[in-house]
Amino acid sequence: MESSKFISIDNLEVRLRSCSDIRGVLTFAEEEVDFPFPLKRIFWITDIPTSAQRGGHAHKTCKELVCCVMGSFRLVVDNGKETREFFLNRPDYAVIIPEGVWCSLEDFSEGTIVVVGASEEYATEGYIRDYREYLVEINK
């Protein structure tokens, strides 16, 4: 994370394309079209208690695209200076979380399924999990 650079939390929303017919709706995302970064990892979160809070961290270098394929939740992003909230409740709407931006996922409806595409493979050392540490790092 380049901490001396201001990280904008504007223009993070992505509208994914869908095709529908009598068999249902197929929604898709393509690298270099919908993902503005190389896709290295995909993960999904299921069986989320409605009172749970997920995220609660920032990535030092990893970018993510977050989508709710079922149910709904609130996504809060914070760049150390300003905060934005997004309500995700449809599979054709996604939000990009840039590297160096704190995020939390909250207020889940029952049965929510979250899918995330990431620019890097999982690495424990790539996370900042303490908000006070994050503020120190981002304001260097």
N, C-alpha and C. Protein backbone atom coordinates (compact mmCIF):
# COMPACT_ATOMS: atom_id res chain seq x y z
N MET A 1 0.85 -1.18 0.00
CA MET A 1 0.00 0.00 0.00
C MET A 1 0.89 1.22 0.00
N GLU A 2 0.65 2.08 -0.95
CA GLU A 2 1.37 3.34 -1.01
C GLU A 2 0.63 4.33 -0.13
N SER A 3 1.07 4.47 1.13
CA SER A 3 0.30 5.22 2.12
C SER A 3 0.36 6.72 1.93
N SER A 4 1.31 7.25 1.19
CA SER A 4 1.38 8.70 1.02
C SER A 4 0.41 9.19 -0.05
N LYS A 5 -0.21 8.29 -0.75
CA LYS A 5 -1.15 8.64 -1.83
C LYS A 5 -2.59 8.54 -1.32
N PHE A 6 -3.39 9.55 -1.58
CA PHE A 6 -4.80 9.53 -1.21
C PHE A 6 -5.52 8.48 -2.05
N ILE A 7 -6.29 7.63 -1.40
CA ILE A 7 -7.00 6.57 -2.10
C ILE A 7 -8.47 6.96 -2.21
N SER A 8 -8.90 7.23 -3.41
CA SER A 8 -10.28 7.66 -3.64
C SER A 8 -11.25 6.51 -3.43
N ILE A 9 -12.40 6.85 -2.85
CA ILE A 9 -13.46 5.84 -2.74
C ILE A 9 -14.66 6.27 -3.59
N ASP A 10 -14.37 7.02 -4.64
CA ASP A 10 -15.38 7.37 -5.65
C ASP A 10 -15.32 6.36 -6.79
N ASN A 11 -16.38 6.26 -7.54
CA ASN A 11 -16.44 5.42 -8.74
C ASN A 11 -16.07 3.96 -8.47
N LEU A 12 -16.62 3.40 -7.43
CA LEU A 12 -16.34 2.01 -7.07
C LEU A 12 -17.40 1.03 -7.54
N GLU A 13 -18.54 1.55 -7.99
CA GLU A 13 -19.65 0.69 -8.37
C GLU A 13 -19.48 0.12 -9.77
N VAL A 14 -19.86 -1.16 -9.92
CA VAL A 14 -19.76 -1.86 -11.20
C VAL A 14 -21.11 -2.50 -11.49
N ARG A 15 -21.62 -2.29 -12.68
CA ARG A 15 -22.84 -2.98 -13.14
C ARG A 15 -22.42 -4.13 -14.03
N LEU A 16 -22.74 -5.33 -13.60
CA LEU A 16 -22.39 -6.53 -14.35
C LEU A 16 -23.48 -6.82 -15.38
N ARG A 17 -23.11 -7.52 -16.42
CA ARG A 17 -24.05 -7.86 -17.48
C ARG A 17 -24.78 -9.14 -17.16
N SER A 18 -26.02 -9.22 -17.62
CA SER A 18 -26.86 -10.40 -17.38
C SER A 18 -27.58 -10.78 -18.67
N CYS A 19 -27.86 -12.05 -18.80
CA CYS A 19 -28.69 -12.59 -19.88
C CYS A 19 -29.81 -13.38 -19.20
N SER A 20 -31.03 -13.17 -19.67
CA SER A 20 -32.13 -13.91 -19.04
C SER A 20 -33.03 -14.53 -20.09
N ASP A 21 -33.60 -15.65 -19.74
CA ASP A 21 -34.60 -16.30 -20.56
C ASP A 21 -35.46 -17.15 -19.63
N ILE A 22 -36.28 -18.02 -20.17
CA ILE A 22 -37.19 -18.79 -19.34
C ILE A 22 -36.47 -19.72 -18.36
N ARG A 23 -35.18 -19.98 -18.59
CA ARG A 23 -34.40 -20.86 -17.71
C ARG A 23 -33.80 -20.13 -16.52
N GLY A 24 -33.85 -18.79 -16.52
CA GLY A 24 -33.29 -18.03 -15.42
C GLY A 24 -32.39 -16.90 -15.90
N VAL A 25 -31.63 -16.36 -14.98
CA VAL A 25 -30.75 -15.22 -15.28
C VAL A 25 -29.31 -15.64 -15.05
N LEU A 26 -28.47 -15.39 -16.05
CA LEU A 26 -27.05 -15.65 -15.95
C LEU A 26 -26.34 -14.30 -15.88
N THR A 27 -25.63 -14.04 -14.80
CA THR A 27 -24.88 -12.80 -14.64
C THR A 27 -23.41 -13.16 -14.66
N PHE A 28 -22.59 -12.33 -15.31
CA PHE A 28 -21.18 -12.68 -15.45
C PHE A 28 -20.28 -11.46 -15.33
N ALA A 29 -19.02 -11.75 -15.03
CA ALA A 29 -17.98 -10.72 -14.95
C ALA A 29 -16.75 -11.24 -15.68
N GLU A 30 -16.11 -10.37 -16.44
CA GLU A 30 -14.93 -10.75 -17.20
C GLU A 30 -13.73 -9.91 -16.80
N GLU A 31 -12.60 -10.59 -16.73
CA GLU A 31 -11.35 -9.91 -16.43
C GLU A 31 -11.06 -8.88 -17.52
N GLU A 32 -10.55 -7.75 -17.14
CA GLU A 32 -10.21 -6.63 -18.01
C GLU A 32 -11.44 -5.90 -18.57
N VAL A 33 -12.65 -6.39 -18.28
CA VAL A 33 -13.86 -5.68 -18.65
C VAL A 33 -14.56 -5.21 -17.37
N ASP A 34 -14.91 -6.14 -16.52
CA ASP A 34 -15.59 -5.83 -15.27
C ASP A 34 -14.62 -5.76 -14.08
N PHE A 35 -13.57 -6.57 -14.13
CA PHE A 35 -12.52 -6.54 -13.12
C PHE A 35 -11.40 -5.65 -13.63
N PRO A 36 -11.15 -4.53 -12.98
CA PRO A 36 -10.08 -3.64 -13.45
C PRO A 36 -8.70 -4.07 -12.92
N PHE A 37 -8.54 -5.38 -12.71
CA PHE A 37 -7.28 -5.93 -12.20
C PHE A 37 -7.24 -7.41 -12.57
N PRO A 38 -6.04 -8.01 -12.60
CA PRO A 38 -5.95 -9.45 -12.86
C PRO A 38 -6.61 -10.23 -11.73
N LEU A 39 -7.37 -11.24 -12.07
CA LEU A 39 -8.10 -12.04 -11.10
C LEU A 39 -7.24 -13.24 -10.69
N LYS A 40 -6.88 -13.30 -9.40
CA LYS A 40 -6.04 -14.40 -8.90
C LYS A 40 -6.80 -15.34 -7.97
N ARG A 41 -7.92 -14.86 -7.39
CA ARG A 41 -8.61 -15.67 -6.39
C ARG A 41 -10.08 -15.30 -6.38
N ILE A 42 -10.93 -16.30 -6.19
CA ILE A 42 -12.37 -16.09 -6.00
C ILE A 42 -12.76 -16.84 -4.73
N PHE A 43 -13.55 -16.18 -3.89
CA PHE A 43 -14.07 -16.87 -2.72
C PHE A 43 -15.50 -16.42 -2.48
N TRP A 44 -16.26 -17.21 -1.74
CA TRP A 44 -17.63 -16.88 -1.42
C TRP A 44 -17.87 -17.12 0.06
N ILE A 45 -18.80 -16.36 0.59
CA ILE A 45 -19.14 -16.44 2.01
C ILE A 45 -20.61 -16.83 2.10
N THR A 46 -20.90 -17.89 2.84
CA THR A 46 -22.26 -18.40 2.98
C THR A 46 -22.57 -18.65 4.45
N ASP A 47 -23.82 -18.97 4.74
CA ASP A 47 -24.26 -19.29 6.11
C ASP A 47 -23.87 -18.18 7.09
N ILE A 48 -24.07 -16.95 6.69
CA ILE A 48 -23.67 -15.79 7.48
C ILE A 48 -24.77 -15.45 8.48
N PRO A 49 -24.47 -15.44 9.77
CA PRO A 49 -25.48 -15.00 10.74
C PRO A 49 -25.88 -13.55 10.46
N THR A 50 -27.15 -13.23 10.64
CA THR A 50 -27.60 -11.86 10.32
C THR A 50 -26.92 -10.81 11.18
N SER A 51 -26.42 -11.18 12.35
CA SER A 51 -25.75 -10.23 13.24
C SER A 51 -24.24 -10.16 13.01
N ALA A 52 -23.72 -10.93 12.06
CA ALA A 52 -22.27 -10.99 11.84
C ALA A 52 -21.74 -9.71 11.22
N GLN A 53 -20.47 -9.47 11.44
CA GLN A 53 -19.74 -8.43 10.72
C GLN A 53 -18.53 -9.12 10.10
N ARG A 54 -18.38 -8.95 8.81
CA ARG A 54 -17.25 -9.55 8.08
C ARG A 54 -16.32 -8.42 7.66
N GLY A 55 -15.19 -8.78 7.11
CA GLY A 55 -14.22 -7.77 6.72
C GLY A 55 -13.52 -7.25 7.96
N GLY A 56 -13.62 -5.95 8.18
CA GLY A 56 -12.94 -5.36 9.33
C GLY A 56 -11.44 -5.34 9.12
N HIS A 57 -11.03 -5.01 7.90
CA HIS A 57 -9.62 -4.97 7.57
C HIS A 57 -9.39 -4.15 6.30
N ALA A 58 -8.13 -3.91 6.01
CA ALA A 58 -7.70 -3.31 4.74
C ALA A 58 -6.62 -4.22 4.17
N HIS A 59 -6.54 -4.27 2.87
CA HIS A 59 -5.47 -5.01 2.20
C HIS A 59 -4.35 -4.04 1.84
N LYS A 60 -3.14 -4.46 2.05
CA LYS A 60 -2.00 -3.60 1.71
C LYS A 60 -1.85 -3.44 0.21
N THR A 61 -2.06 -4.52 -0.55
CA THR A 61 -1.87 -4.44 -2.00
C THR A 61 -2.98 -5.09 -2.82
N CYS A 62 -3.83 -5.86 -2.21
CA CYS A 62 -4.87 -6.61 -2.93
C CYS A 62 -6.10 -5.74 -3.20
N LYS A 63 -6.65 -5.87 -4.40
CA LYS A 63 -7.91 -5.22 -4.78
C LYS A 63 -8.99 -6.31 -4.81
N GLU A 64 -10.23 -5.92 -4.53
CA GLU A 64 -11.32 -6.88 -4.56
C GLU A 64 -12.54 -6.31 -5.28
N LEU A 65 -13.33 -7.20 -5.86
CA LEU A 65 -14.64 -6.86 -6.40
C LEU A 65 -15.63 -7.71 -5.61
N VAL A 66 -16.58 -7.05 -4.93
CA VAL A 66 -17.52 -7.72 -4.03
C VAL A 66 -18.92 -7.69 -4.63
N CYS A 67 -19.60 -8.84 -4.60
CA CYS A 67 -20.94 -8.95 -5.16
C CYS A 67 -21.82 -9.79 -4.24
N CYS A 68 -23.07 -9.44 -4.15
CA CYS A 68 -24.04 -10.20 -3.38
C CYS A 68 -24.91 -10.98 -4.37
N VAL A 69 -24.76 -12.29 -4.41
CA VAL A 69 -25.53 -13.08 -5.37
C VAL A 69 -26.87 -13.55 -4.82
N MET A 70 -27.04 -13.44 -3.49
CA MET A 70 -28.32 -13.76 -2.88
C MET A 70 -28.42 -13.01 -1.56
N GLY A 71 -29.61 -12.52 -1.25
CA GLY A 71 -29.81 -11.79 0.00
C GLY A 71 -29.37 -10.35 -0.12
N SER A 72 -28.89 -9.79 1.00
CA SER A 72 -28.45 -8.39 0.99
C SER A 72 -27.52 -8.13 2.17
N PHE A 73 -26.72 -7.08 2.03
CA PHE A 73 -25.88 -6.61 3.12
C PHE A 73 -25.43 -5.19 2.82
N ARG A 74 -24.86 -4.56 3.83
CA ARG A 74 -24.32 -3.21 3.70
C ARG A 74 -22.80 -3.31 3.71
N LEU A 75 -22.17 -2.66 2.73
CA LEU A 75 -20.71 -2.62 2.62
C LEU A 75 -20.26 -1.20 2.96
N VAL A 76 -19.35 -1.08 3.92
CA VAL A 76 -18.83 0.21 4.34
C VAL A 76 -17.35 0.26 3.98
N VAL A 77 -16.95 1.28 3.21
CA VAL A 77 -15.55 1.48 2.87
C VAL A 77 -15.07 2.80 3.46
N ASP A 78 -13.80 2.83 3.83
CA ASP A 78 -13.23 3.96 4.55
C ASP A 78 -11.78 4.12 4.10
N ASN A 79 -11.42 5.30 3.63
CA ASN A 79 -10.05 5.55 3.19
C ASN A 79 -9.23 6.35 4.21
N GLY A 80 -9.73 6.44 5.44
CA GLY A 80 -9.04 7.17 6.48
C GLY A 80 -9.44 8.62 6.58
N LYS A 81 -10.13 9.11 5.56
CA LYS A 81 -10.60 10.50 5.55
C LYS A 81 -12.11 10.60 5.37
N GLU A 82 -12.67 9.66 4.61
CA GLU A 82 -14.11 9.65 4.36
C GLU A 82 -14.61 8.21 4.31
N THR A 83 -15.91 8.07 4.52
CA THR A 83 -16.56 6.77 4.54
C THR A 83 -17.71 6.77 3.54
N ARG A 84 -17.90 5.64 2.85
CA ARG A 84 -19.05 5.47 1.95
C ARG A 84 -19.72 4.15 2.28
N GLU A 85 -21.03 4.12 2.09
CA GLU A 85 -21.80 2.90 2.31
C GLU A 85 -22.49 2.50 1.02
N PHE A 86 -22.55 1.20 0.80
CA PHE A 86 -23.24 0.63 -0.36
C PHE A 86 -24.18 -0.45 0.14
N PHE A 87 -25.34 -0.54 -0.48
CA PHE A 87 -26.29 -1.61 -0.15
C PHE A 87 -26.27 -2.58 -1.32
N LEU A 88 -25.81 -3.79 -1.08
CA LEU A 88 -25.72 -4.80 -2.13
C LEU A 88 -26.85 -5.79 -1.94
N ASN A 89 -27.67 -5.94 -2.99
CA ASN A 89 -28.83 -6.84 -2.90
C ASN A 89 -29.22 -7.44 -4.24
N ARG A 90 -28.31 -7.40 -5.22
CA ARG A 90 -28.61 -7.99 -6.52
C ARG A 90 -27.32 -8.48 -7.17
N PRO A 91 -27.37 -9.56 -7.92
CA PRO A 91 -26.15 -10.16 -8.46
C PRO A 91 -25.50 -9.40 -9.61
N ASP A 92 -26.18 -8.40 -10.16
CA ASP A 92 -25.56 -7.65 -11.25
C ASP A 92 -24.96 -6.32 -10.79
N TYR A 93 -24.79 -6.16 -9.49
CA TYR A 93 -24.23 -4.95 -8.91
C TYR A 93 -23.05 -5.35 -8.03
N ALA A 94 -21.90 -4.74 -8.25
CA ALA A 94 -20.71 -5.07 -7.48
C ALA A 94 -19.99 -3.79 -7.09
N VAL A 95 -19.11 -3.90 -6.12
CA VAL A 95 -18.33 -2.77 -5.65
C VAL A 95 -16.87 -3.17 -5.61
N ILE A 96 -16.01 -2.31 -6.13
CA ILE A 96 -14.57 -2.52 -6.08
C ILE A 96 -14.04 -1.94 -4.77
N ILE A 97 -13.20 -2.70 -4.11
CA ILE A 97 -12.51 -2.22 -2.92
C ILE A 97 -11.03 -2.11 -3.29
N PRO A 98 -10.53 -0.88 -3.45
CA PRO A 98 -9.11 -0.71 -3.80
C PRO A 98 -8.19 -1.15 -2.66
N GLU A 99 -6.95 -1.42 -2.99
CA GLU A 99 -5.97 -1.68 -1.94
C GLU A 99 -5.87 -0.44 -1.05
N GLY A 100 -5.59 -0.67 0.23
CA GLY A 100 -5.44 0.44 1.16
C GLY A 100 -6.73 1.06 1.64
N VAL A 101 -7.86 0.41 1.38
CA VAL A 101 -9.16 0.91 1.83
C VAL A 101 -9.73 -0.07 2.86
N TRP A 102 -10.14 0.46 4.00
CA TRP A 102 -10.74 -0.35 5.07
C TRP A 102 -12.16 -0.72 4.64
N CYS A 103 -12.57 -1.94 4.90
CA CYS A 103 -13.94 -2.32 4.56
C CYS A 103 -14.55 -3.19 5.64
N SER A 104 -15.87 -3.09 5.73
CA SER A 104 -16.62 -4.00 6.59
C SER A 104 -17.95 -4.32 5.92
N LEU A 105 -18.41 -5.55 6.13
CA LEU A 105 -19.68 -6.03 5.60
C LEU A 105 -20.59 -6.25 6.79
N GLU A 106 -21.80 -5.67 6.75
CA GLU A 106 -22.68 -5.65 7.91
C GLU A 106 -24.14 -5.82 7.50
N ASP A 107 -24.99 -6.01 8.48
CA ASP A 107 -26.45 -6.04 8.29
C ASP A 107 -26.89 -7.04 7.23
N PHE A 108 -26.50 -8.27 7.40
CA PHE A 108 -26.83 -9.33 6.45
C PHE A 108 -28.28 -9.77 6.60
N SER A 109 -28.93 -10.01 5.47
CA SER A 109 -30.24 -10.67 5.52
C SER A 109 -29.99 -12.17 5.59
N GLU A 110 -31.00 -12.89 6.01
CA GLU A 110 -30.89 -14.34 6.11
C GLU A 110 -30.66 -14.93 4.72
N GLY A 111 -29.74 -15.88 4.61
CA GLY A 111 -29.47 -16.56 3.35
C GLY A 111 -28.55 -15.82 2.40
N THR A 112 -27.90 -14.77 2.86
CA THR A 112 -27.01 -13.99 1.99
C THR A 112 -25.82 -14.83 1.53
N ILE A 113 -25.48 -14.65 0.26
CA ILE A 113 -24.27 -15.25 -0.32
C ILE A 113 -23.47 -14.12 -0.96
N VAL A 114 -22.21 -13.99 -0.52
CA VAL A 114 -21.30 -12.96 -1.03
C VAL A 114 -20.22 -13.65 -1.85
N VAL A 115 -19.94 -13.11 -3.03
CA VAL A 115 -18.85 -13.62 -3.87
C VAL A 115 -17.84 -12.49 -4.06
N VAL A 116 -16.55 -12.84 -3.92
CA VAL A 116 -15.49 -11.84 -4.01
C VAL A 116 -14.43 -12.33 -4.98
N GLY A 117 -14.02 -11.44 -5.89
CA GLY A 117 -12.88 -11.69 -6.76
C GLY A 117 -11.72 -10.84 -6.28
N ALA A 118 -10.53 -11.44 -6.15
CA ALA A 118 -9.38 -10.72 -5.59
C ALA A 118 -8.21 -10.73 -6.58
N SER A 119 -7.40 -9.68 -6.49
CA SER A 119 -6.26 -9.53 -7.39
C SER A 119 -5.04 -10.31 -6.93
N GLU A 120 -5.09 -10.89 -5.72
CA GLU A 120 -3.94 -11.62 -5.20
C GLU A 120 -4.40 -12.89 -4.50
N GLU A 121 -3.49 -13.84 -4.39
CA GLU A 121 -3.74 -15.03 -3.60
C GLU A 121 -3.75 -14.64 -2.12
N TYR A 122 -4.35 -15.48 -1.29
CA TYR A 122 -4.44 -15.19 0.13
C TYR A 122 -3.06 -15.16 0.76
N ALA A 123 -2.81 -14.12 1.57
CA ALA A 123 -1.56 -14.01 2.34
C ALA A 123 -1.87 -13.25 3.63
N THR A 124 -1.71 -13.88 4.76
CA THR A 124 -2.01 -13.27 6.05
C THR A 124 -1.31 -11.93 6.23
N GLU A 125 -0.06 -11.84 5.81
CA GLU A 125 0.71 -10.62 5.99
C GLU A 125 0.23 -9.46 5.11
N GLY A 126 -0.68 -9.71 4.20
CA GLY A 126 -1.21 -8.66 3.33
C GLY A 126 -2.36 -7.86 3.93
N TYR A 127 -2.74 -8.16 5.17
CA TYR A 127 -3.88 -7.52 5.81
C TYR A 127 -3.44 -6.57 6.91
N ILE A 128 -4.21 -5.50 7.10
CA ILE A 128 -4.14 -4.67 8.30
C ILE A 128 -5.48 -4.90 9.00
N ARG A 129 -5.44 -5.47 10.20
CA ARG A 129 -6.68 -5.86 10.88
C ARG A 129 -7.02 -4.97 12.07
N ASP A 130 -6.16 -4.03 12.40
CA ASP A 130 -6.41 -3.12 13.50
C ASP A 130 -6.65 -1.72 12.92
N TYR A 131 -7.82 -1.15 13.21
CA TYR A 131 -8.18 0.14 12.59
C TYR A 131 -7.23 1.26 13.00
N ARG A 132 -6.78 1.27 14.24
CA ARG A 132 -5.83 2.32 14.67
C ARG A 132 -4.52 2.20 13.90
N GLU A 133 -4.06 0.99 13.72
CA GLU A 133 -2.85 0.74 12.92
C GLU A 133 -3.07 1.19 11.47
N TYR A 134 -4.25 0.90 10.95
CA TYR A 134 -4.60 1.33 9.60
C TYR A 134 -4.49 2.85 9.45
N LEU A 135 -5.08 3.58 10.41
CA LEU A 135 -5.04 5.05 10.34
C LEU A 135 -3.61 5.59 10.39
N VAL A 136 -2.78 4.98 11.19
CA VAL A 136 -1.37 5.38 11.25
C VAL A 136 -0.71 5.12 9.89
N GLU A 137 -0.92 3.93 9.35
CA GLU A 137 -0.31 3.54 8.07
C GLU A 137 -0.77 4.41 6.90
N ILE A 138 -2.06 4.66 6.84
CA ILE A 138 -2.61 5.41 5.70
C ILE A 138 -2.25 6.89 5.76
N ASN A 139 -1.97 7.42 6.96
CA ASN A 139 -1.66 8.83 7.10
C ASN A 139 -0.17 9.14 7.17
N LYS A 140 0.67 8.13 6.89
CA LYS A 140 2.12 8.37 6.88
C LYS A 140 2.50 9.33 5.78
